[in-house]
PDB file of N, CA and C in Angstrom:
ATOM      1  N   UNK A   1       1.166  21.159 -14.015  1.00  0.00           N
ATOM      2  CA  UNK A   1       1.921  20.181 -14.797  1.00  0.00           C
ATOM      3  C   UNK A   1       2.337  19.428 -13.395  1.00  0.00           C
ATOM      4  N   UNK A   2       1.719  19.359 -12.543  1.00  0.00           N
ATOM      5  CA  UNK A   2       1.671  18.657 -11.255  1.00  0.00           C
ATOM      6  C   UNK A   2       0.935  17.696 -11.772  1.00  0.00           C
ATOM      7  N   UNK A   3       0.023  17.597 -12.141  1.00  0.00           N
ATOM      8  CA  UNK A   3      -0.873  16.351 -12.673  1.00  0.00           C
ATOM      9  C   UNK A   3      -0.295  15.293 -13.581  1.00  0.00           C
ATOM     10  N   UNK A   4       0.325  15.623 -14.285  1.00  0.00           N
ATOM     11  CA  UNK A   4       1.117  15.187 -15.258  1.00  0.00           C
ATOM     12  C   UNK A   4       2.580  14.354 -14.535  1.00  0.00           C
ATOM     13  N   UNK A   5       3.103  14.864 -13.376  1.00  0.00           N
ATOM     14  CA  UNK A   5       3.655  13.899 -12.539  1.00  0.00           C
ATOM     15  C   UNK A   5       3.188  12.657 -11.856  1.00  0.00           C
ATOM     16  N   UNK A   6       1.847  13.421 -10.936  1.00  0.00           N
ATOM     17  CA  UNK A   6       1.352  12.130 -10.640  1.00  0.00           C
ATOM     18  C   UNK A   6       0.386  10.764 -11.296  1.00  0.00           C
ATOM     19  N   UNK A   7       0.135  11.333 -12.867  1.00  0.00           N
ATOM     20  CA  UNK A   7       0.205  10.285 -13.929  1.00  0.00           C
ATOM     21  C   UNK A   7       1.492   9.175 -13.753  1.00  0.00           C
ATOM     22  N   UNK A   8       2.700   9.868 -13.899  1.00  0.00           N
ATOM     23  CA  UNK A   8       3.735   8.870 -14.549  1.00  0.00           C
ATOM     24  C   UNK A   8       3.998   8.228 -13.134  1.00  0.00           C
ATOM     25  N   UNK A   9       3.899   8.931 -12.299  1.00  0.00           N
ATOM     26  CA  UNK A   9       4.407   8.320 -10.771  1.00  0.00           C
ATOM     27  C   UNK A   9       2.797   6.741 -10.694  1.00  0.00           C
ATOM     28  N   UNK A  10       1.692   7.367 -10.987  1.00  0.00           N
ATOM     29  CA  UNK A  10       1.335   5.912 -11.182  1.00  0.00           C
ATOM     30  C   UNK A  10       0.974   4.800 -11.942  1.00  0.00           C
ATOM     31  N   UNK A  11       1.698   5.753 -12.964  1.00  0.00           N
ATOM     32  CA  UNK A  11       2.311   4.525 -14.021  1.00  0.00           C
ATOM     33  C   UNK A  11       3.004   3.120 -13.945  1.00  0.00           C
ATOM     34  N   UNK A  12       3.647   4.149 -12.944  1.00  0.00           N
ATOM     35  CA  UNK A  12       5.170   3.144 -12.568  1.00  0.00           C
ATOM     36  C   UNK A  12       4.591   2.377 -11.272  1.00  0.00           C
ATOM     37  N   UNK A  13       3.378   3.037 -10.565  1.00  0.00           N
ATOM     38  CA  UNK A  13       2.769   2.263  -9.227  1.00  0.00           C
ATOM     39  C   UNK A  13       2.161   0.910  -9.207  1.00  0.00           C
ATOM     40  N   UNK A  14       1.084   0.896 -10.335  1.00  0.00           N
ATOM     41  CA  UNK A  14      -0.014   0.634 -10.467  1.00  0.00           C
ATOM     42  C   UNK A  14       0.669  -0.688 -10.967  1.00  0.00           C
ATOM     43  N   UNK A  15       1.342  -0.619 -12.098  1.00  0.00           N
ATOM     44  CA  UNK A  15       2.266  -2.177 -12.707  1.00  0.00           C
ATOM     45  C   UNK A  15       3.042  -2.465 -10.977  1.00  0.00           C
ATOM     46  N   UNK A  16       3.430  -1.846 -10.397  1.00  0.00           N
ATOM     47  CA  UNK A  16       4.587  -2.225  -9.321  1.00  0.00           C
ATOM     48  C   UNK A  16       3.668  -3.106  -8.265  1.00  0.00           C
ATOM     49  N   UNK A  17       2.492  -2.454  -8.249  1.00  0.00           N
ATOM     50  CA  UNK A  17       1.130  -3.059  -7.451  1.00  0.00           C
ATOM     51  C   UNK A  17       0.929  -4.393  -7.848  1.00  0.00           C
ATOM     52  N   UNK A  18       0.744  -4.753  -8.895  1.00  0.00           N
ATOM     53  CA  UNK A  18       0.203  -5.400  -9.943  1.00  0.00           C
ATOM     54  C   UNK A  18       1.229  -6.982  -9.415  1.00  0.00           C
ATOM     55  N   UNK A  19       2.662  -6.541 -10.001  1.00  0.00           N
ATOM     56  CA  UNK A  19       3.616  -7.316 -10.374  1.00  0.00           C
ATOM     57  C   UNK A  19       3.905  -7.821  -8.866  1.00  0.00           C
ATOM     58  N   UNK A  20       3.632  -7.086  -7.808  1.00  0.00           N
ATOM     59  CA  UNK A  20       3.923  -7.247  -6.506  1.00  0.00           C
ATOM     60  C   UNK A  20       3.183  -8.298  -5.561  1.00  0.00           C
ATOM     61  N   UNK A  21       1.853  -8.363  -5.999  1.00  0.00           N
ATOM     62  CA  UNK A  21       0.939  -9.103  -5.560  1.00  0.00           C
ATOM     63  C   UNK A  21       0.668 -10.052  -5.875  1.00  0.00           C
ATOM     64  N   UNK A  22       1.075  -9.935  -7.712  1.00  0.00           N
ATOM     65  CA  UNK A  22       1.162 -11.459  -8.260  1.00  0.00           C
ATOM     66  C   UNK A  22       2.246 -12.159  -7.481  1.00  0.00           C
ATOM     67  N   UNK A  23       3.619 -11.715  -7.304  1.00  0.00           N
ATOM     68  CA  UNK A  23       5.017 -12.663  -7.129  1.00  0.00           C
ATOM     69  C   UNK A  23       4.276 -12.940  -5.358  1.00  0.00           C
ATOM     70  N   UNK A  24       4.085 -12.292  -4.657  1.00  0.00           N
ATOM     71  CA  UNK A  24       3.563 -12.773  -3.493  1.00  0.00           C
ATOM     72  C   UNK A  24       2.550 -13.545  -3.378  1.00  0.00           C
ATOM     73  N   UNK A  25       1.401 -13.682  -4.098  1.00  0.00           N
ATOM     74  CA  UNK A  25       0.138 -14.611  -3.904  1.00  0.00           C
ATOM     75  C   UNK A  25       0.810 -16.460  -4.619  1.00  0.00           C
ATOM     76  N   UNK A  26       1.940 -15.939  -5.879  1.00  0.00           N
ATOM     77  CA  UNK A  26       2.692 -17.197  -6.422  1.00  0.00           C
ATOM     78  C   UNK A  26       3.552 -18.002  -5.173  1.00  0.00           C
ATOM     79  N   UNK A  27       4.201 -16.773  -4.293  1.00  0.00           N
ATOM     80  CA  UNK A  27       5.018 -17.275  -3.384  1.00  0.00           C
ATOM     81  C   UNK A  27       4.458 -18.270  -2.104  1.00  0.00           C
ATOM     82  N   UNK A  28       3.233 -17.584  -1.309  1.00  0.00           N
ATOM     83  CA  UNK A  28       1.881 -18.054  -0.339  1.00  0.00           C
ATOM     84  C   UNK A  28       0.808 -18.595  -0.986  1.00  0.00           C
ATOM     85  N   UNK A  29       0.557 -18.628  -2.300  1.00  0.00           N
ATOM     86  CA  UNK A  29      -0.832 -19.336  -2.391  1.00  0.00           C
ATOM     87  C   UNK A  29      -2.122 -18.732  -2.469  1.00  0.00           C
ATOM     88  N   UNK A  30      -1.884 -17.223  -2.434  1.00  0.00           N
ATOM     89  CA  UNK A  30      -3.242 -16.665  -1.253  1.00  0.00           C
ATOM     90  C   UNK A  30      -3.791 -16.062  -2.324  1.00  0.00           C
ATOM     91  N   UNK A  31      -4.178 -16.613  -3.853  1.00  0.00           N
ATOM     92  CA  UNK A  31      -5.010 -16.136  -4.972  1.00  0.00           C
ATOM     93  C   UNK A  31      -6.736 -16.860  -4.171  1.00  0.00           C
ATOM     94  N   UNK A  32      -7.768 -15.671  -4.620  1.00  0.00           N
ATOM     95  CA  UNK A  32      -9.016 -16.387  -4.755  1.00  0.00           C
ATOM     96  C   UNK A  32      -9.302 -17.644  -4.751  1.00  0.00           C
ATOM     97  N   UNK A  33      -9.787 -18.514  -3.921  1.00  0.00           N
ATOM     98  CA  UNK A  33     -10.210 -17.786  -2.649  1.00  0.00           C
ATOM     99  C   UNK A  33      -9.322 -18.589  -1.894  1.00  0.00           C
ATOM    100  N   UNK A  34      -8.571 -17.615  -1.499  1.00  0.00           N
ATOM    101  CA  UNK A  34      -7.432 -17.241  -0.092  1.00  0.00           C
ATOM    102  C   UNK A  34      -7.408 -17.702   1.225  1.00  0.00           C
ATOM    103  N   UNK A  35      -6.216 -17.592   2.015  1.00  0.00           N
ATOM    104  CA  UNK A  35      -6.305 -17.685   3.371  1.00  0.00           C
ATOM    105  C   UNK A  35      -6.373 -16.310   3.552  1.00  0.00           C
ATOM    106  N   UNK A  36      -5.611 -15.472   2.894  1.00  0.00           N
ATOM    107  CA  UNK A  36      -5.009 -14.319   3.319  1.00  0.00           C
ATOM    108  C   UNK A  36      -4.220 -13.739   2.271  1.00  0.00           C
ATOM    109  N   UNK A  37      -5.054 -12.153   1.893  1.00  0.00           N
ATOM    110  CA  UNK A  37      -4.642 -11.557   0.960  1.00  0.00           C
ATOM    111  C   UNK A  37      -3.183 -10.936   1.446  1.00  0.00           C
ATOM    112  N   UNK A  38      -1.848 -11.800   1.097  1.00  0.00           N
ATOM    113  CA  UNK A  38      -0.721 -11.504   1.945  1.00  0.00           C
ATOM    114  C   UNK A  38      -0.402 -10.801   0.632  1.00  0.00           C
ATOM    115  N   UNK A  39      -0.624 -10.320  -0.774  1.00  0.00           N
ATOM    116  CA  UNK A  39      -0.133  -9.468  -2.307  1.00  0.00           C
ATOM    117  C   UNK A  39      -0.562  -7.868  -1.153  1.00  0.00           C
ATOM    118  N   UNK A  40      -2.079  -7.802  -1.050  1.00  0.00           N
ATOM    119  CA  UNK A  40      -2.606  -6.537  -1.066  1.00  0.00           C
ATOM    120  C   UNK A  40      -1.545  -6.389   0.719  1.00  0.00           C
ATOM    121  N   UNK A  41      -1.891  -6.707   0.931  1.00  0.00           N
ATOM    122  CA  UNK A  41      -1.405  -6.643   2.814  1.00  0.00           C
ATOM    123  C   UNK A  41       0.305  -5.644   2.603  1.00  0.00           C
ATOM    124  N   UNK A  42       0.720  -6.652   1.535  1.00  0.00           N
ATOM    125  CA  UNK A  42       2.611  -6.440   1.390  1.00  0.00           C
ATOM    126  C   UNK A  42       3.151  -5.001   0.830  1.00  0.00           C
ATOM    127  N   UNK A  43       1.719  -4.980  -0.451  1.00  0.00           N
ATOM    128  CA  UNK A  43       1.839  -3.502  -1.172  1.00  0.00           C
ATOM    129  C   UNK A  43       0.944  -2.135  -0.246  1.00  0.00           C
ATOM    130  N   UNK A  44       0.399  -2.564   0.448  1.00  0.00           N
ATOM    131  CA  UNK A  44      -0.099  -1.220   1.280  1.00  0.00           C
ATOM    132  C   UNK A  44       1.149  -0.976   2.766  1.00  0.00           C
ATOM    133  N   UNK A  45       1.152  -2.062   3.033  1.00  0.00           N
ATOM    134  CA  UNK A  45       2.914  -1.953   4.497  1.00  0.00           C
ATOM    135  C   UNK A  45       3.589  -1.380   3.435  1.00  0.00           C
ATOM    136  N   UNK A  46       4.474  -1.660   2.350  1.00  0.00           N
ATOM    137  CA  UNK A  46       5.236  -1.049   1.438  1.00  0.00           C
ATOM    138  C   UNK A  46       5.023   0.174   1.454  1.00  0.00           C
ATOM    139  N   UNK A  47       4.088   0.888   0.824  1.00  0.00           N
ATOM    140  CA  UNK A  47       3.529   1.752   0.432  1.00  0.00           C
ATOM    141  C   UNK A  47       3.534   3.037   1.398  1.00  0.00           C
ATOM    142  N   UNK A  48       3.256   2.458   2.340  1.00  0.00           N
ATOM    143  CA  UNK A  48       2.767   3.358   3.808  1.00  0.00           C
ATOM    144  C   UNK A  48       4.537   3.588   4.203  1.00  0.00           C
ATOM    145  N   UNK A  49       5.274   2.461   3.949  1.00  0.00           N
ATOM    146  CA  UNK A  49       6.561   3.103   4.503  1.00  0.00           C
ATOM    147  C   UNK A  49       7.584   4.091   3.941  1.00  0.00           C
ATOM    148  N   UNK A  50       7.328   3.438   2.284  1.00  0.00           N
ATOM    149  CA  UNK A  50       7.329   4.561   1.409  1.00  0.00           C
ATOM    150  C   UNK A  50       6.903   5.959   1.669  1.00  0.00           C
ATOM    151  N   UNK A  51       5.622   6.183   1.740  1.00  0.00           N
ATOM    152  CA  UNK A  51       5.088   7.183   1.794  1.00  0.00           C
ATOM    153  C   UNK A  51       5.248   8.336   3.151  1.00  0.00           C
ATOM    154  N   UNK A  52       5.643   7.325   4.260  1.00  0.00           N
ATOM    155  CA  UNK A  52       6.682   7.651   5.625  1.00  0.00           C
ATOM    156  C   UNK A  52       7.302   8.417   5.645  1.00  0.00           C
ATOM    157  N   UNK A  53       8.257   7.535   4.343  1.00  0.00           N
ATOM    158  CA  UNK A  53       9.936   8.263   4.406  1.00  0.00           C
ATOM    159  C   UNK A  53       9.342   9.426   3.351  1.00  0.00           C
ATOM    160  N   UNK A  54       8.952   9.829   2.518  1.00  0.00           N
ATOM    161  CA  UNK A  54       8.454  11.120   1.819  1.00  0.00           C
ATOM    162  C   UNK A  54       8.410  11.843   2.863  1.00  0.00           C
ATOM    163  N   UNK A  55       7.242  11.583   3.681  1.00  0.00           N
ATOM    164  CA  UNK A  55       6.461  12.854   4.119  1.00  0.00           C
ATOM    165  C   UNK A  55       7.157  13.214   5.348  1.00  0.00           C
ATOM    166  N   UNK A  56       8.552  12.902   5.749  1.00  0.00           N
ATOM    167  CA  UNK A  56       9.825  12.744   7.114  1.00  0.00           C
ATOM    168  C   UNK A  56      10.674  13.670   6.248  1.00  0.00           C
ATOM    169  N   UNK A  57      11.066  13.658   4.846  1.00  0.00           N
ATOM    170  CA  UNK A  57      12.174  14.337   4.089  1.00  0.00           C
ATOM    171  C   UNK A  57      11.415  15.627   3.463  1.00  0.00           C
ATOM    172  N   UNK A  58      12.381  16.777   3.340  1.00  0.00           N
ATOM    173  CA  UNK A  58      12.185  17.433   2.680  1.00  0.00           C
ATOM    174  C   UNK A  58      12.019  17.655   1.372  1.00  0.00           C
ATOM    175  N   UNK A  59      10.887  17.647   0.677  1.00  0.00           N
ATOM    176  CA  UNK A  59      10.718  17.232  -1.056  1.00  0.00           C
ATOM    177  C   UNK A  59       9.766  18.470  -1.607  1.00  0.00           C
ATOM    178  N   UNK A  60      10.649  18.688  -2.601  1.00  0.00           N
ATOM    179  CA  UNK A  60      10.052  19.723  -3.639  1.00  0.00           C
ATOM    180  C   UNK A  60       8.626  19.422  -3.675  1.00  0.00           C
ATOM    181  N   UNK A  61       7.356  19.927  -4.661  1.00  0.00           N
ATOM    182  CA  UNK A  61       6.152  19.662  -4.450  1.00  0.00           C
ATOM    183  C   UNK A  61       5.946  19.089  -5.720  1.00  0.00           C
ATOM    184  N   UNK A  62       6.731  19.142  -6.654  1.00  0.00           N
ATOM    185  CA  UNK A  62       6.919  18.121  -7.801  1.00  0.00           C
ATOM    186  C   UNK A  62       6.874  16.332  -7.686  1.00  0.00           C
ATOM    187  N   UNK A  63       8.809  16.463  -6.691  1.00  0.00           N
ATOM    188  CA  UNK A  63       9.031  15.282  -6.608  1.00  0.00           C
ATOM    189  C   UNK A  63       6.991  14.334  -5.593  1.00  0.00           C
ATOM    190  N   UNK A  64       7.005  15.183  -4.732  1.00  0.00           N
ATOM    191  CA  UNK A  64       6.212  14.586  -4.058  1.00  0.00           C
ATOM    192  C   UNK A  64       4.768  14.354  -4.757  1.00  0.00           C
ATOM    193  N   UNK A  65       4.227  14.993  -5.451  1.00  0.00           N
ATOM    194  CA  UNK A  65       3.591  14.808  -6.638  1.00  0.00           C
ATOM    195  C   UNK A  65       4.110  13.561  -7.719  1.00  0.00           C
ATOM    196  N   UNK A  66       5.190  13.127  -7.853  1.00  0.00           N
ATOM    197  CA  UNK A  66       5.674  12.301  -8.734  1.00  0.00           C
ATOM    198  C   UNK A  66       5.348  10.916  -7.746  1.00  0.00           C
ATOM    199  N   UNK A  67       6.332  10.835  -6.393  1.00  0.00           N
ATOM    200  CA  UNK A  67       6.408   9.660  -5.421  1.00  0.00           C
ATOM    201  C   UNK A  67       5.291   9.729  -5.050  1.00  0.00           C
ATOM    202  N   UNK A  68       5.094  10.579  -3.796  1.00  0.00           N
ATOM    203  CA  UNK A  68       3.905  11.023  -3.093  1.00  0.00           C
ATOM    204  C   UNK A  68       2.700  10.526  -3.463  1.00  0.00           C
ATOM    205  N   UNK A  69       2.253  11.227  -4.021  1.00  0.00           N
ATOM    206  CA  UNK A  69       0.663  11.109  -4.804  1.00  0.00           C
ATOM    207  C   UNK A  69       0.903   9.854  -5.933  1.00  0.00           C
ATOM    208  N   UNK A  70       1.224   9.820  -7.012  1.00  0.00           N
ATOM    209  CA  UNK A  70       1.420   9.394  -7.814  1.00  0.00           C
ATOM    210  C   UNK A  70       2.168   7.867  -7.424  1.00  0.00           C
ATOM    211  N   UNK A  71       3.098   7.464  -7.366  1.00  0.00           N
ATOM    212  CA  UNK A  71       3.445   6.190  -6.960  1.00  0.00           C
ATOM    213  C   UNK A  71       3.130   5.582  -5.402  1.00  0.00           C
ATOM    214  N   UNK A  72       3.092   6.106  -4.585  1.00  0.00           N
ATOM    215  CA  UNK A  72       2.477   5.600  -3.527  1.00  0.00           C
ATOM    216  C   UNK A  72       1.444   5.262  -3.699  1.00  0.00           C
ATOM    217  N   UNK A  73       0.565   6.274  -4.423  1.00  0.00           N
ATOM    218  CA  UNK A  73      -1.259   6.384  -4.553  1.00  0.00           C
ATOM    219  C   UNK A  73      -1.485   5.058  -5.419  1.00  0.00           C
ATOM    220  N   UNK A  74      -0.788   4.805  -6.720  1.00  0.00           N
ATOM    221  CA  UNK A  74      -0.850   3.783  -7.070  1.00  0.00           C
ATOM    222  C   UNK A  74      -0.776   2.587  -6.616  1.00  0.00           C
ATOM    223  N   UNK A  75       0.063   2.419  -6.066  1.00  0.00           N
ATOM    224  CA  UNK A  75       0.867   1.478  -5.249  1.00  0.00           C
ATOM    225  C   UNK A  75      -0.277   0.643  -4.206  1.00  0.00           C
ATOM    226  N   UNK A  76      -0.592   1.331  -3.457  1.00  0.00           N
ATOM    227  CA  UNK A  76      -1.469   1.087  -2.346  1.00  0.00           C
ATOM    228  C   UNK A  76      -2.709   0.841  -2.608  1.00  0.00           C
ATOM    229  N   UNK A  77      -3.583   0.208  -1.926  1.00  0.00           N
ATOM    230  CA  UNK A  77      -5.258  -0.130  -2.663  1.00  0.00           C
ATOM    231  C   UNK A  77      -5.856   0.026  -1.264  1.00  0.00           C
ATOM    232  N   UNK A  78      -6.531   0.962  -0.988  1.00  0.00           N
ATOM    233  CA  UNK A  78      -7.934   0.893  -0.271  1.00  0.00           C
ATOM    234  C   UNK A  78      -8.967  -0.099  -0.962  1.00  0.00           C
ATOM    235  N   UNK A  79      -9.141   0.228  -1.967  1.00  0.00           N
ATOM    236  CA  UNK A  79     -10.370  -0.758  -2.764  1.00  0.00           C
ATOM    237  C   UNK A  79     -10.002  -2.229  -2.784  1.00  0.00           C
ATOM    238  N   UNK A  80      -9.054  -2.316  -2.755  1.00  0.00           N
ATOM    239  CA  UNK A  80      -8.796  -4.243  -2.895  1.00  0.00           C
ATOM    240  C   UNK A  80      -8.545  -4.627  -1.893  1.00  0.00           C
ATOM    241  N   UNK A  81      -8.085  -4.069  -1.009  1.00  0.00           N
ATOM    242  CA  UNK A  81      -7.964  -4.130   0.699  1.00  0.00           C
ATOM    243  C   UNK A  81      -9.811  -4.352   1.090  1.00  0.00           C
ATOM    244  N   UNK A  82     -10.364  -3.402   0.389  1.00  0.00           N
ATOM    245  CA  UNK A  82     -11.818  -3.601   1.215  1.00  0.00           C
ATOM    246  C   UNK A  82     -12.769  -4.964   0.413  1.00  0.00           C
ATOM    247  N   UNK A  83     -12.314  -4.882  -0.783  1.00  0.00           N
ATOM    248  CA  UNK A  83     -12.731  -5.956  -1.492  1.00  0.00           C
ATOM    249  C   UNK A  83     -12.462  -7.418  -0.963  1.00  0.00           C
ATOM    250  N   UNK A  84     -11.079  -7.599  -0.584  1.00  0.00           N
ATOM    251  CA  UNK A  84     -10.516  -8.891  -0.094  1.00  0.00           C
ATOM    252  C   UNK A  84     -10.846  -9.268   1.391  1.00  0.00           C
ATOM    253  N   UNK A  85     -11.643  -8.176   1.913  1.00  0.00           N
ATOM    254  CA  UNK A  85     -11.989  -8.125   3.746  1.00  0.00           C
ATOM    255  C   UNK A  85     -13.033  -8.727   3.162  1.00  0.00           C
ATOM    256  N   UNK A  86     -13.905  -8.162   2.430  1.00  0.00           N
ATOM    257  CA  UNK A  86     -15.507  -8.152   2.009  1.00  0.00           C
ATOM    258  C   UNK A  86     -15.366 -10.077   2.223  1.00  0.00           C
ATOM    259  N   UNK A  87     -14.758 -10.456   0.995  1.00  0.00           N
ATOM    260  CA  UNK A  87     -14.642 -11.501   0.392  1.00  0.00           C
ATOM    261  C   UNK A  87     -14.109 -12.254   1.098  1.00  0.00           C
ATOM    262  N   UNK A  88     -13.464 -12.354   2.178  1.00  0.00           N
ATOM    263  CA  UNK A  88     -12.904 -13.164   2.950  1.00  0.00           C
ATOM    264  C   UNK A  88     -14.459 -13.257   3.995  1.00  0.00           C
ATOM    265  N   UNK A  89     -14.898 -12.943   4.201  1.00  0.00           N
ATOM    266  CA  UNK A  89     -16.258 -12.584   5.697  1.00  0.00           C
ATOM    267  C   UNK A  89     -17.431 -13.300   4.852  1.00  0.00           C
ATOM    268  N   UNK A  90     -17.989 -13.000   3.493  1.00  0.00           N
ATOM    269  CA  UNK A  90     -18.980 -13.606   2.526  1.00  0.00           C
ATOM    270  C   UNK A  90     -18.392 -15.175   2.682  1.00  0.00           C
ATOM    271  N   UNK A  91     -17.036 -15.539   2.534  1.00  0.00           N
ATOM    272  CA  UNK A  91     -16.622 -16.573   2.759  1.00  0.00           C
ATOM    273  C   UNK A  91     -17.188 -17.951   4.119  1.00  0.00           C
ATOM    274  N   UNK A  92     -17.178 -16.859   4.587  1.00  0.00           N
ATOM    275  CA  UNK A  92     -17.185 -17.859   6.229  1.00  0.00           C
ATOM    276  C   UNK A  92     -15.742 -17.310   7.136  1.00  0.00           C
ATOM    277  N   UNK A  93     -15.555 -16.480   6.480  1.00  0.00           N
ATOM    278  CA  UNK A  93     -13.744 -16.665   7.175  1.00  0.00           C
ATOM    279  C   UNK A  93     -13.984 -14.995   7.858  1.00  0.00           C
ATOM    280  N   UNK A  94     -14.742 -14.986   8.833  1.00  0.00           N
ATOM    281  CA  UNK A  94     -15.054 -13.640   9.485  1.00  0.00           C
ATOM    282  C   UNK A  94     -13.664 -13.651  10.503  1.00  0.00           C
ATOM    283  N   UNK A  95     -12.988 -14.800  10.904  1.00  0.00           N
ATOM    284  CA  UNK A  95     -12.225 -14.237  11.466  1.00  0.00           C
ATOM    285  C   UNK A  95     -10.941 -13.164  10.650  1.00  0.00           C
ATOM    286  N   UNK A  96     -10.886 -14.303  10.040  1.00  0.00           N
ATOM    287  CA  UNK A  96      -9.307 -14.086   8.880  1.00  0.00           C
ATOM    288  C   UNK A  96      -9.578 -12.241   8.200  1.00  0.00           C
ATOM    289  N   UNK A  97     -11.002 -12.207   8.025  1.00  0.00           N
ATOM    290  CA  UNK A  97     -11.428 -10.627   7.140  1.00  0.00           C
ATOM    291  C   UNK A  97     -11.231  -9.611   8.245  1.00  0.00           C
ATOM    292  N   UNK A  98     -11.695 -10.133   9.827  1.00  0.00           N
ATOM    293  CA  UNK A  98     -11.095  -8.930  10.875  1.00  0.00           C
ATOM    294  C   UNK A  98     -10.267  -8.906  11.272  1.00  0.00           C
ATOM    295  N   UNK A  99      -9.348  -9.997  11.090  1.00  0.00           N
ATOM    296  CA  UNK A  99      -7.636  -9.591  11.367  1.00  0.00           C
ATOM    297  C   UNK A  99      -7.259  -8.925   9.787  1.00  0.00           C
ATOM    298  N   UNK A 100      -7.546  -8.936   8.985  1.00  0.00           N
ATOM    299  CA  UNK A 100      -7.001  -8.283   7.763  1.00  0.00           C
ATOM    300  C   UNK A 100      -7.288  -6.802   7.733  1.00  0.00           C
ATOM    301  N   UNK A 101      -8.985  -6.894   8.691  1.00  0.00           N
ATOM    302  CA  UNK A 101      -8.819  -5.248   8.432  1.00  0.00           C
ATOM    303  C   UNK A 101      -8.078  -4.263   9.901  1.00  0.00           C
ATOM    304  N   UNK A 102      -8.394  -5.259  10.556  1.00  0.00           N
ATOM    305  CA  UNK A 102      -7.006  -4.699  12.279  1.00  0.00           C
ATOM    306  C   UNK A 102      -5.173  -4.440  11.509  1.00  0.00           C
ATOM    307  N   UNK A 103      -5.288  -5.734  11.269  1.00  0.00           N
ATOM    308  CA  UNK A 103      -3.457  -6.198  10.634  1.00  0.00           C
ATOM    309  C   UNK A 103      -3.347  -4.791   9.750  1.00  0.00           C
ATOM    310  N   UNK A 104      -4.463  -4.669   8.639  1.00  0.00           N
ATOM    311  CA  UNK A 104      -3.664  -3.528   7.524  1.00  0.00           C
ATOM    312  C   UNK A 104      -3.635  -2.258   8.245  1.00  0.00           C
ATOM    313  N   UNK A 105      -4.364  -2.103   9.215  1.00  0.00           N
ATOM    314  CA  UNK A 105      -4.603  -0.705   9.467  1.00  0.00           C
ATOM    315  C   UNK A 105      -3.547  -0.252  10.351  1.00  0.00           C
ATOM    316  N   UNK A 106      -3.153  -0.840  11.567  1.00  0.00           N
ATOM    317  CA  UNK A 106      -1.849  -0.871  12.245  1.00  0.00           C
ATOM    318  C   UNK A 106      -0.376  -0.783  11.792  1.00  0.00           C
ATOM    319  N   UNK A 107      -0.341  -1.713  10.732  1.00  0.00           N
ATOM    320  CA  UNK A 107       0.804  -2.271  10.143  1.00  0.00           C
ATOM    321  C   UNK A 107       0.487  -0.784   8.962  1.00  0.00           C
ATOM    322  N   UNK A 108      -0.358  -0.601   8.389  1.00  0.00           N
ATOM    323  CA  UNK A 108       0.250   0.698   7.591  1.00  0.00           C
ATOM    324  C   UNK A 108       0.535   2.091   8.256  1.00  0.00           C
ATOM    325  N   UNK A 109      -0.710   2.261   9.594  1.00  0.00           N
ATOM    326  CA  UNK A 109      -0.097   3.627  10.393  1.00  0.00           C
ATOM    327  C   UNK A 109       1.058   3.203  10.996  1.00  0.00           C
ATOM    328  N   UNK A 110       1.527   2.080  11.584  1.00  0.00           N
ATOM    329  CA  UNK A 110       3.218   1.560  11.810  1.00  0.00           C
ATOM    330  C   UNK A 110       4.028   2.342  11.095  1.00  0.00           C
ATOM    331  N   UNK A 111       3.866   1.669   9.869  1.00  0.00           N
ATOM    332  CA  UNK A 111       4.703   2.055   8.718  1.00  0.00           C
ATOM    333  C   UNK A 111       4.978   3.066   8.375  1.00  0.00           C
ATOM    334  N   UNK A 112       3.937   4.046   8.369  1.00  0.00           N
ATOM    335  CA  UNK A 112       4.062   5.572   7.855  1.00  0.00           C
ATOM    336  C   UNK A 112       4.907   5.885   8.912  1.00  0.00           C
ATOM    337  N   UNK A 113       4.554   5.918  10.161  1.00  0.00           N
ATOM    338  CA  UNK A 113       4.831   6.523  11.156  1.00  0.00           C
ATOM    339  C   UNK A 113       6.605   6.129  11.258  1.00  0.00           C
ATOM    340  N   UNK A 114       6.821   4.934  11.357  1.00  0.00           N
ATOM    341  CA  UNK A 114       8.416   4.358  11.004  1.00  0.00           C
ATOM    342  C   UNK A 114       9.051   5.001   9.954  1.00  0.00           C
ATOM    343  N   UNK A 115       8.385   5.105   8.802  1.00  0.00           N
ATOM    344  CA  UNK A 115       9.121   5.345   7.637  1.00  0.00           C
ATOM    345  C   UNK A 115       9.470   7.078   7.750  1.00  0.00           C
ATOM    346  N   UNK A 116       8.384   8.079   8.742  1.00  0.00           N
ATOM    347  CA  UNK A 116       8.599   9.558   8.672  1.00  0.00           C
ATOM    348  C   UNK A 116       9.816   9.786   9.655  1.00  0.00           C
ATOM    349  N   UNK A 117      10.125   8.654  10.935  1.00  0.00           N
ATOM    350  CA  UNK A 117      10.566   8.804  11.941  1.00  0.00           C
ATOM    351  C   UNK A 117      12.506   8.188  11.000  1.00  0.00           C
ATOM    352  N   UNK A 118      12.439   7.230   9.843  1.00  0.00           N
ATOM    353  CA  UNK A 118      13.776   6.741   9.463  1.00  0.00           C
ATOM    354  C   UNK A 118      13.854   8.148   8.807  1.00  0.00           C
ATOM    355  N   UNK A 119      13.215   8.595   7.859  1.00  0.00           N
ATOM    356  CA  UNK A 119      13.963  10.042   7.411  1.00  0.00           C
ATOM    357  C   UNK A 119      14.059  11.112   7.898  1.00  0.00           C
ATOM    358  N   UNK A 120      13.869  11.324   9.331  1.00  0.00           N
ATOM    359  CA  UNK A 120      14.049  12.411  10.156  1.00  0.00           C
ATOM    360  C   UNK A 120      13.461  13.261  10.746  1.00  0.00           C
ATOM    361  N   UNK A 121      11.647  12.995  10.608  1.00  0.00           N
ATOM    362  CA  UNK A 121      10.356  13.331  11.434  1.00  0.00           C
ATOM    363  C   UNK A 121       9.905  14.019  10.559  1.00  0.00           C
ATOM    364  N   UNK A 122       9.611  15.391  10.525  1.00  0.00           N
ATOM    365  CA  UNK A 122       8.444  15.774   9.741  1.00  0.00           C
ATOM    366  C   UNK A 122       8.749  16.714   9.148  1.00  0.00           C
ATOM    367  N   UNK A 123       9.015  16.628   7.886  1.00  0.00           N
ATOM    368  CA  UNK A 123       9.409  17.197   7.150  1.00  0.00           C
ATOM    369  C   UNK A 123       8.291  18.058   6.174  1.00  0.00           C
ATOM    370  N   UNK A 124       7.345  17.302   5.719  1.00  0.00           N
ATOM    371  CA  UNK A 124       6.110  18.215   5.285  1.00  0.00           C
ATOM    372  C   UNK A 124       5.599  18.738   5.666  1.00  0.00           C
TER     373      UNK A 124
END
């Protein structure tokens, strides 16, 4: 049954990622060729924060499957982050590519730790 919850969460997370990415890109003009992939950076930071909150909270396995694995898994995107970093480097924007990698990893890790602390520690 958990697989269905993961699928349902993913069905919400994927469109949410797409819509958030488009909204951020429209506001910051970061479509290809872009200066910095702010849309992907935003969804990865937000998804990491939410996953941290969920991890810090005491949740049942079905709720974690729905929101943690399904929604957060579809909201965040490692493949797009990797692709956009590669495109920056290939386009001669090596500094921005490196900045994207370093900033994305540090912000995502910081967000997940912050989320866990906000939720009260290590619930899972």
